[in-house]
Amino acid sequence: MTDPAADRALLTRLFEAAVAAADPAQILPRHLPPKPAGRTVVIGAGKGAAQLAAAFEAVWDGPLEGVVVTRYGYAVPCERIRVMEAAHPVPDAAGLAAAGALFAQLEGLTEDDLVVALICGGGSALLPAPPEGLDLEDEAALNKALLASGAPISAMNAIRKHLSRIKGGRLAAAAHPAKVVSLIVSDVPGDDPAQVASGPTVPDAVSLADALALVERYRIALPDRVAAALAQAEPAPHPGDPVFAGHEVHVIASAGLSLRAAADAAAAEGLPAAILSDALEGEAREAGRFHAALAAHAAREGAPFGPPVVILSGGETTVTLTGEPGRGGRNTEFLLSAALDLDGVEGVTALAADTDGIDGSEENAGAFADGTTVARMRAAGIDPAAHLTGHDAWSAFDAIGDLFAPGPTGTNVNDFRAFVLRGRG
């Protein structure tokens, strides 16, 4: 017999295993650079930047100083590294001040000095630094337009890099002639370090012409001032620029590693696991339908995976906003779409959640669903299809108490999706 409560507990343990595989305290000691003859300066940005900074302090036995910025509510105490907080996903004045503090920290460095950059997801919004001619309101408007466009994260970041004084490797360039070692926790499909947080310390070969083409391809409605500035923007630094000579970049945690840890945790509990992809992109509701169709077919027919089994996937879907959106994020939207197609299907329980602990701008990481979700929503007076159309998945899951809210995790390796298949019982 299927026990939804037991399977939700199992899914929670798999999520925790995925997060633990990206725990800064566990992964940083394996990636420490040699000590320099001069100063050691730590800079960083992202939702898990404070935890990375605290872990670095704990294992670095020499002098160090620095500044990192994280999202409001995500700070943890550090003794030698200053932790600043700012807004996410729409940048604010505190983020602007944090970007200035990072640049100030890099002033006066020499070739004997070492800069350690701790970069993880969320840094794009946390480090606003508009170019000349634009202001913070313009950068916030740019972010809103990008988030509403449904474009993949790689396209968003390509555009951001040409409208910033800090992204696209510019922060690392400011550290010259010091050596920069970037330690990256990847939250992007494919784990390209230049895409994480829009690559403040990792230059990208993407050109200004590429960025302009992406605006057209995804029909991104940029505000007039922003569009005009992009058309005349100064190209981002090229990876071949001598200013980056000798720099090192290491991806120390990723969705792929975390999914494998979850698969190992499932196996330890007697369930085989199949990882579909660690780099799934596309519209959240369409990805939800695909996962639901695969899970339902496997539960009924025993193919392509024979129950009992766990199906895992990672990556970063997108949501193209239409009308006046309600409350929710890409994981709850993914799961509400899946739940509609799983209505009445026995033996399937699912969790979709953001590994940083926050889905979009709400306080939940995601939600649970099974074959009874839609019926329970309707019994609570909720029209799940209407809530999906209105991008209001949070309210639908909240009405039946199925939100998943572990709180901030201190890391960020993108979305985690897991379906437990038991068959028909």
Protein backbone atom coordinates (compact mmCIF):
# COMPACT_ATOMS: atom_id res chain seq x y z
CA MET A 1 0.00 0.00 0.00
CA THR A 2 1.13 3.54 -0.75
CA ASP A 3 1.68 5.68 2.35
CA PRO A 4 1.76 9.34 1.24
CA ALA A 5 2.98 10.55 4.64
CA ALA A 6 5.87 8.09 4.61
CA ASP A 7 6.76 9.00 1.05
CA ARG A 8 6.74 12.71 1.89
CA ALA A 9 9.14 11.98 4.73
CA LEU A 10 11.31 10.04 2.28
CA LEU A 11 11.24 12.92 -0.22
CA THR A 12 12.26 15.32 2.54
CA ARG A 13 15.25 13.11 3.38
CA LEU A 14 16.27 13.02 -0.28
CA PHE A 15 16.06 16.82 -0.44
CA GLU A 16 18.21 17.04 2.68
CA ALA A 17 20.76 14.69 1.14
CA ALA A 18 20.92 16.85 -1.98
CA VAL A 19 21.44 19.99 0.11
CA ALA A 20 24.05 18.32 2.33
CA ALA A 21 26.10 17.45 -0.77
CA ALA A 22 26.45 21.20 -1.37
CA ASP A 23 27.10 22.13 2.29
CA PRO A 24 29.93 24.72 2.34
CA ALA A 25 31.39 23.26 5.54
CA GLN A 26 31.83 19.92 3.80
CA ILE A 27 33.05 21.02 0.38
CA LEU A 28 35.26 24.08 0.99
CA PRO A 29 38.14 22.32 2.80
CA ARG A 30 38.84 20.32 -0.36
CA HIS A 31 39.30 23.45 -2.48
CA LEU A 32 41.51 25.82 -0.49
CA PRO A 33 44.14 27.67 -2.56
CA PRO A 34 47.76 27.99 -1.39
CA LYS A 35 48.44 30.88 0.96
CA PRO A 36 49.84 34.03 -0.69
CA ALA A 37 52.88 36.05 0.25
CA GLY A 38 50.61 39.06 0.74
CA ARG A 39 47.02 39.62 1.83
CA THR A 40 44.10 37.21 1.54
CA VAL A 41 40.88 39.01 0.59
CA VAL A 42 37.51 37.27 0.43
CA ILE A 43 34.67 38.62 -1.70
CA GLY A 44 31.40 36.93 -2.49
CA ALA A 45 27.76 37.14 -3.45
CA GLY A 46 24.72 34.89 -3.49
CA LYS A 47 22.05 33.34 -1.31
CA GLY A 48 24.64 31.06 0.31
CA ALA A 49 27.53 33.55 0.37
CA ALA A 50 27.47 34.07 4.14
CA GLN A 51 27.59 30.33 4.82
CA LEU A 52 30.47 30.01 2.36
CA ALA A 53 32.28 32.85 4.12
CA ALA A 54 31.76 31.31 7.56
CA ALA A 55 33.02 27.94 6.31
CA PHE A 56 36.08 29.59 4.74
CA GLU A 57 36.90 31.41 7.97
CA ALA A 58 36.70 28.14 9.88
CA VAL A 59 39.33 26.38 7.77
CA TRP A 60 41.68 29.23 6.79
CA ASP A 61 44.34 29.57 9.49
CA GLY A 62 46.02 32.68 8.13
CA PRO A 63 45.07 36.37 8.14
CA LEU A 64 42.12 37.31 5.99
CA GLU A 65 39.60 40.10 5.38
CA GLY A 66 36.70 40.65 3.06
CA VAL A 67 33.07 41.39 2.23
CA VAL A 68 30.22 39.19 0.99
CA VAL A 69 26.58 40.01 0.25
CA THR A 70 23.59 37.73 0.71
CA ARG A 71 19.81 37.95 0.67
CA TYR A 72 17.92 39.50 3.59
CA GLY A 73 17.50 36.90 6.31
CA TYR A 74 20.30 34.66 5.02
CA ALA A 75 23.22 36.14 6.98
CA VAL A 76 25.23 34.12 9.48
CA PRO A 77 27.90 35.47 11.86
CA CYS A 78 31.45 35.87 10.57
CA GLU A 79 34.41 37.18 12.56
CA ARG A 80 36.73 38.55 9.90
CA ILE A 81 34.51 38.83 6.83
CA ARG A 82 31.83 41.50 6.68
CA VAL A 83 28.42 40.15 5.74
CA MET A 84 26.01 42.53 4.02
CA GLU A 85 22.37 41.87 3.09
CA ALA A 86 20.35 43.08 0.11
CA ALA A 87 17.15 42.38 -1.80
CA HIS A 88 16.41 39.45 -4.10
CA PRO A 89 15.04 38.99 -6.77
CA VAL A 90 14.60 42.73 -7.42
CA PRO A 91 17.73 44.75 -6.47
CA ASP A 92 17.66 47.60 -3.96
CA ALA A 93 19.88 50.35 -2.58
CA ALA A 94 21.50 47.97 -0.09
CA GLY A 95 22.69 45.86 -3.01
CA LEU A 96 24.12 48.96 -4.66
CA ALA A 97 26.03 49.73 -1.45
CA ALA A 98 27.26 46.13 -1.27
CA ALA A 99 28.59 46.27 -4.83
CA GLY A 100 30.48 49.44 -3.87
CA ALA A 101 31.88 47.73 -0.78
CA LEU A 102 33.20 44.83 -2.88
CA PHE A 103 34.99 47.20 -5.23
CA ALA A 104 36.43 49.12 -2.26
CA GLN A 105 37.74 45.88 -0.76
CA LEU A 106 39.79 45.28 -3.93
CA GLU A 107 41.55 48.64 -3.98
CA GLY A 108 45.32 48.75 -3.68
CA LEU A 109 46.02 45.06 -4.20
CA THR A 110 49.37 43.79 -5.47
CA GLU A 111 50.54 40.71 -7.37
CA ASP A 112 51.46 39.14 -4.00
CA ASP A 113 47.84 39.23 -2.83
CA LEU A 114 45.14 36.58 -3.20
CA VAL A 115 41.43 37.21 -3.79
CA VAL A 116 39.08 34.33 -3.03
CA ALA A 117 35.67 34.83 -4.64
CA LEU A 118 32.80 32.82 -3.12
CA ILE A 119 30.03 32.94 -5.70
CA CYS A 120 26.66 31.21 -5.75
CA GLY A 121 23.17 31.68 -7.16
CA GLY A 122 21.27 34.87 -6.47
CA GLY A 123 24.26 37.14 -6.92
CA SER A 124 22.86 38.77 -10.06
CA ALA A 125 20.15 40.60 -8.13
CA LEU A 126 22.31 41.15 -5.05
CA LEU A 127 24.98 43.07 -6.99
CA PRO A 128 23.32 45.93 -8.86
CA ALA A 129 25.86 48.23 -10.47
CA PRO A 130 24.20 50.07 -13.37
CA PRO A 131 26.46 51.62 -16.00
CA GLU A 132 26.70 55.34 -16.60
CA GLY A 133 23.36 56.70 -17.80
CA LEU A 134 21.24 54.21 -15.85
CA ASP A 135 20.25 54.08 -12.19
CA LEU A 136 19.02 51.55 -9.66
CA GLU A 137 15.41 51.90 -10.80
CA ASP A 138 16.50 51.02 -14.33
CA GLU A 139 18.32 47.91 -13.10
CA ALA A 140 15.28 46.86 -11.07
CA ALA A 141 13.09 47.35 -14.14
CA LEU A 142 15.54 45.29 -16.19
CA ASN A 143 15.37 42.47 -13.65
CA LYS A 144 11.58 42.51 -13.64
CA ALA A 145 11.46 42.39 -17.43
CA LEU A 146 13.90 39.48 -17.56
CA LEU A 147 12.10 37.49 -14.86
CA ALA A 148 8.75 37.96 -16.61
CA SER A 149 10.09 37.02 -20.04
CA GLY A 150 10.39 33.25 -19.65
CA ALA A 151 13.88 33.40 -21.18
CA PRO A 152 16.45 30.86 -19.90
CA ILE A 153 18.91 32.00 -17.26
CA SER A 154 21.78 32.00 -19.77
CA ALA A 155 19.95 34.56 -21.92
CA MET A 156 19.08 36.74 -18.92
CA ASN A 157 22.69 36.76 -17.76
CA ALA A 158 24.05 37.56 -21.22
CA ILE A 159 21.96 40.72 -21.20
CA ARG A 160 22.76 41.63 -17.59
CA LYS A 161 26.50 41.38 -18.23
CA HIS A 162 26.41 44.18 -20.79
CA LEU A 163 24.43 46.49 -18.51
CA SER A 164 26.60 46.30 -15.41
CA ARG A 165 29.85 47.62 -13.98
CA ILE A 166 30.38 44.44 -11.90
CA LYS A 167 29.11 41.42 -13.85
CA GLY A 168 30.80 39.56 -16.71
CA GLY A 169 34.20 39.38 -15.01
CA ARG A 170 34.42 43.09 -14.19
CA LEU A 171 34.80 42.49 -10.43
CA ALA A 172 37.78 40.19 -11.03
CA ALA A 173 39.29 42.74 -13.39
CA ALA A 174 39.14 45.30 -10.56
CA ALA A 175 41.37 43.02 -8.45
CA HIS A 176 44.28 43.19 -10.94
CA PRO A 177 47.20 42.51 -10.44
CA ALA A 178 46.18 40.17 -7.59
CA LYS A 179 45.40 36.53 -8.34
CA VAL A 180 41.70 35.63 -8.16
CA VAL A 181 40.49 32.13 -7.26
CA SER A 182 36.74 31.75 -7.78
CA LEU A 183 34.99 28.97 -5.86
CA ILE A 184 31.58 28.51 -7.44
CA VAL A 185 28.44 26.79 -6.20
CA SER A 186 26.56 26.30 -9.48
CA ASP A 187 22.82 26.82 -9.76
CA VAL A 188 22.74 26.98 -13.56
CA PRO A 189 22.06 24.23 -16.12
CA GLY A 190 25.33 22.91 -17.49
CA ASP A 191 27.36 24.37 -14.58
CA ASP A 192 29.02 27.10 -16.67
CA PRO A 193 30.74 29.20 -13.96
CA ALA A 194 30.42 32.33 -16.10
CA GLN A 195 26.63 32.08 -15.73
CA VAL A 196 26.46 31.79 -11.93
CA ALA A 197 25.43 35.19 -10.51
CA SER A 198 26.14 36.59 -14.00
CA GLY A 199 29.83 35.84 -13.51
CA PRO A 200 31.17 38.81 -11.51
CA THR A 201 34.61 37.15 -11.39
CA VAL A 202 34.38 34.91 -14.47
CA PRO A 203 34.43 36.55 -17.93
CA ASP A 204 32.28 35.18 -20.74
CA ALA A 205 32.79 35.12 -24.50
CA VAL A 206 29.19 36.23 -25.10
CA SER A 207 29.22 39.38 -27.21
CA LEU A 208 27.08 42.49 -27.20
CA ALA A 209 25.64 41.37 -30.55
CA ASP A 210 24.70 38.05 -28.92
CA ALA A 211 22.92 39.88 -26.11
CA LEU A 212 20.95 42.06 -28.53
CA ALA A 213 19.98 38.99 -30.55
CA LEU A 214 18.70 37.28 -27.39
CA VAL A 215 16.42 40.23 -26.64
CA GLU A 216 14.86 39.77 -30.07
CA ARG A 217 14.74 35.98 -29.90
CA TYR A 218 12.85 35.89 -26.61
CA ARG A 219 10.88 39.07 -27.28
CA ILE A 220 12.00 40.61 -24.01
CA ALA A 221 10.15 43.86 -23.36
CA LEU A 222 13.03 45.98 -22.08
CA PRO A 223 12.18 49.47 -20.78
CA ASP A 224 13.06 52.15 -23.33
CA ARG A 225 15.98 53.61 -21.34
CA VAL A 226 17.44 50.14 -20.76
CA ALA A 227 17.04 49.13 -24.41
CA ALA A 228 18.79 52.31 -25.56
CA ALA A 229 21.63 51.76 -23.10
CA LEU A 230 22.09 48.15 -24.23
CA ALA A 231 22.31 49.20 -27.87
CA GLN A 232 25.27 51.45 -26.99
CA ALA A 233 26.77 49.39 -24.16
CA GLU A 234 30.47 48.78 -23.69
CA PRO A 235 31.14 45.05 -24.36
CA ALA A 236 31.92 42.89 -21.35
CA PRO A 237 35.58 41.84 -20.91
CA HIS A 238 36.73 38.88 -23.02
CA PRO A 239 38.16 35.77 -21.30
CA GLY A 240 41.39 36.25 -23.24
CA ASP A 241 42.07 39.65 -21.66
CA PRO A 242 45.51 39.57 -19.95
CA VAL A 243 43.93 40.98 -16.80
CA PHE A 244 42.55 37.49 -16.11
CA ALA A 245 45.87 35.67 -16.61
CA GLY A 246 46.61 33.26 -13.77
CA HIS A 247 43.08 33.32 -12.38
CA GLU A 248 41.51 30.02 -11.31
CA VAL A 249 37.85 28.94 -11.40
CA HIS A 250 36.51 25.86 -9.59
CA VAL A 251 32.91 24.62 -9.48
CA ILE A 252 32.81 23.07 -6.00
CA ALA A 253 29.13 22.08 -5.86
CA SER A 254 26.43 21.56 -8.49
CA ALA A 255 23.01 20.11 -9.20
CA GLY A 256 24.56 16.98 -10.69
CA LEU A 257 26.53 16.18 -7.55
CA SER A 258 23.49 16.82 -5.35
CA LEU A 259 21.20 14.64 -7.46
CA ARG A 260 23.70 11.79 -7.24
CA ALA A 261 23.75 12.20 -3.46
CA ALA A 262 19.93 12.00 -3.42
CA ALA A 263 20.04 8.89 -5.60
CA ASP A 264 22.51 7.29 -3.19
CA ALA A 265 20.22 8.18 -0.26
CA ALA A 266 17.28 6.54 -2.03
CA ALA A 267 19.32 3.42 -2.72
CA ALA A 268 20.25 3.25 0.96
CA GLU A 269 16.53 3.03 1.71
CA GLY A 270 16.00 0.26 -0.80
CA LEU A 271 14.74 2.31 -3.73
CA PRO A 272 16.58 2.55 -7.06
CA ALA A 273 16.72 6.03 -8.55
CA ALA A 274 16.77 7.35 -12.12
CA ILE A 275 18.22 10.81 -12.79
CA LEU A 276 16.49 12.31 -15.83
CA SER A 277 18.70 15.41 -16.10
CA ASP A 278 20.56 17.89 -13.92
CA ALA A 279 20.10 20.67 -16.49
CA LEU A 280 16.39 20.74 -17.32
CA GLU A 281 15.16 24.09 -18.64
CA GLY A 282 11.95 25.34 -20.25
CA GLU A 283 8.53 26.50 -19.15
CA ALA A 284 7.75 25.21 -15.64
CA ARG A 285 4.21 24.06 -16.41
CA GLU A 286 5.32 22.16 -19.50
CA ALA A 287 8.12 20.47 -17.57
CA GLY A 288 5.54 19.55 -14.94
CA ARG A 289 3.31 17.89 -17.54
CA PHE A 290 6.25 15.93 -18.93
CA HIS A 291 7.25 14.63 -15.50
CA ALA A 292 3.65 13.76 -14.68
CA ALA A 293 3.17 11.85 -17.93
CA LEU A 294 6.36 9.88 -17.37
CA ALA A 295 5.50 9.12 -13.74
CA ALA A 296 1.90 8.10 -14.49
CA HIS A 297 2.94 5.80 -17.32
CA ALA A 298 5.64 4.18 -15.20
CA ALA A 299 3.24 3.71 -12.28
CA ARG A 300 0.63 2.05 -14.50
CA GLU A 301 2.75 0.15 -17.00
CA GLY A 302 6.07 -0.38 -15.25
CA ALA A 303 7.98 1.33 -18.07
CA PRO A 304 10.41 2.92 -18.69
CA PHE A 305 11.01 2.54 -14.92
CA GLY A 306 9.48 -0.26 -12.92
CA PRO A 307 8.11 0.73 -9.51
CA PRO A 308 9.20 1.04 -6.83
CA VAL A 309 11.59 3.73 -8.06
CA VAL A 310 12.50 7.38 -7.51
CA ILE A 311 12.69 9.73 -10.50
CA LEU A 312 14.99 12.74 -9.98
CA SER A 313 15.72 15.87 -11.99
CA GLY A 314 17.38 19.24 -11.55
CA GLY A 315 17.97 22.39 -13.53
CA GLU A 316 16.08 25.67 -13.66
CA THR A 317 12.72 26.08 -15.33
CA THR A 318 11.17 29.46 -16.09
CA VAL A 319 7.75 31.05 -15.83
CA THR A 320 6.48 33.43 -18.49
CA LEU A 321 4.18 35.75 -16.58
CA THR A 322 0.88 36.80 -18.13
CA GLY A 323 -1.70 39.17 -16.70
CA GLU A 324 -1.48 40.10 -13.03
CA PRO A 325 0.32 37.16 -11.39
CA GLY A 326 -0.63 35.71 -8.03
CA ARG A 327 1.76 34.16 -5.52
CA GLY A 328 4.18 31.39 -6.35
CA GLY A 329 7.47 30.36 -7.90
CA ARG A 330 8.66 28.06 -10.63
CA ASN A 331 8.65 24.95 -8.41
CA THR A 332 5.09 25.36 -7.17
CA GLU A 333 3.96 26.15 -10.72
CA PHE A 334 5.77 23.05 -12.00
CA LEU A 335 4.11 20.90 -9.36
CA LEU A 336 0.60 22.30 -9.77
CA SER A 337 0.81 21.56 -13.48
CA ALA A 338 2.03 18.03 -12.70
CA ALA A 339 -0.72 17.53 -10.11
CA LEU A 340 -3.43 18.31 -12.66
CA ASP A 341 -2.14 15.51 -14.88
CA LEU A 342 -1.67 13.15 -11.92
CA ASP A 343 -5.24 13.62 -10.69
CA GLY A 344 -6.49 10.20 -9.58
CA VAL A 345 -3.22 8.40 -10.37
CA GLU A 346 -2.30 5.98 -7.60
CA GLY A 347 1.15 5.32 -6.26
CA VAL A 348 2.91 8.61 -7.12
CA THR A 349 4.11 11.21 -4.60
CA ALA A 350 6.22 14.20 -5.67
CA LEU A 351 8.27 17.07 -4.29
CA ALA A 352 9.56 20.06 -6.25
CA ALA A 353 11.68 22.58 -4.34
CA ASP A 354 14.46 25.13 -4.70
CA THR A 355 17.61 23.95 -2.92
CA ASP A 356 18.17 27.42 -1.44
CA GLY A 357 14.95 27.00 0.56
CA ILE A 358 13.00 29.76 -1.18
CA ASP A 359 10.84 29.37 -4.29
CA GLY A 360 10.57 32.74 -5.98
CA SER A 361 9.75 35.45 -3.45
CA GLU A 362 7.70 33.38 -0.98
CA GLU A 363 8.86 31.68 2.23
CA ASN A 364 8.46 28.11 0.96
CA ALA A 365 10.95 26.08 -1.06
CA GLY A 366 8.25 24.28 -3.02
CA ALA A 367 5.43 21.82 -2.37
CA PHE A 368 4.28 18.19 -2.27
CA ALA A 369 1.71 16.57 -4.57
CA ASP A 370 0.13 13.20 -5.25
CA GLY A 371 -2.90 11.75 -7.01
CA THR A 372 -5.28 13.27 -4.44
CA THR A 373 -3.91 16.85 -4.60
CA VAL A 374 -6.37 18.21 -7.17
CA ALA A 375 -9.41 16.63 -5.48
CA ARG A 376 -8.37 18.08 -2.12
CA MET A 377 -7.89 21.52 -3.66
CA ARG A 378 -11.36 21.42 -5.17
CA ALA A 379 -12.81 20.31 -1.82
CA ALA A 380 -11.15 23.39 -0.28
CA GLY A 381 -12.84 25.66 -2.85
CA ILE A 382 -9.76 25.99 -5.07
CA ASP A 383 -9.87 25.74 -8.87
CA PRO A 384 -6.35 24.39 -9.56
CA ALA A 385 -6.51 25.05 -13.31
CA ALA A 386 -7.46 28.69 -12.70
CA HIS A 387 -4.66 29.07 -10.16
CA LEU A 388 -2.19 27.66 -12.66
CA THR A 389 -3.36 30.10 -15.33
CA GLY A 390 -3.05 32.96 -12.83
CA HIS A 391 0.44 31.91 -11.67
CA ASP A 392 -0.96 31.49 -8.17
CA ALA A 393 0.25 27.98 -7.29
CA TRP A 394 1.36 29.06 -3.81
CA SER A 395 -2.21 29.85 -2.77
CA ALA A 396 -3.49 26.54 -4.14
CA PHE A 397 -0.98 24.45 -2.18
CA ASP A 398 -1.30 26.64 0.91
CA ALA A 399 -5.06 25.98 0.98
CA ILE A 400 -4.43 22.25 1.53
CA GLY A 401 -1.34 22.56 3.71
CA ASP A 402 1.04 21.02 1.18
CA LEU A 403 3.72 23.72 0.98
CA PHE A 404 7.27 22.60 1.74
CA ALA A 405 9.13 25.18 3.85
CA PRO A 406 12.50 24.00 5.24
CA GLY A 407 13.81 27.58 5.53
CA PRO A 408 17.06 28.95 4.06
CA THR A 409 19.51 26.11 3.47
CA GLY A 410 22.75 28.06 3.12
CA THR A 411 23.45 26.76 -0.37
CA ASN A 412 21.93 26.88 -3.84
CA VAL A 413 22.33 24.24 -6.55
CA ASN A 414 19.12 24.95 -8.40
CA ASP A 415 15.82 23.10 -8.36
CA PHE A 416 15.26 19.62 -6.93
CA ARG A 417 12.44 17.45 -8.25
CA ALA A 418 11.69 13.95 -7.01
CA PHE A 419 8.82 11.53 -7.75
CA VAL A 420 8.40 8.37 -5.67
CA LEU A 421 6.63 5.68 -7.69
CA ARG A 422 5.06 2.77 -5.81
CA GLY A 423 2.78 1.51 -8.54
CA ARG A 424 -0.88 0.75 -7.93
CA GLY A 425 -0.31 -0.72 -4.48
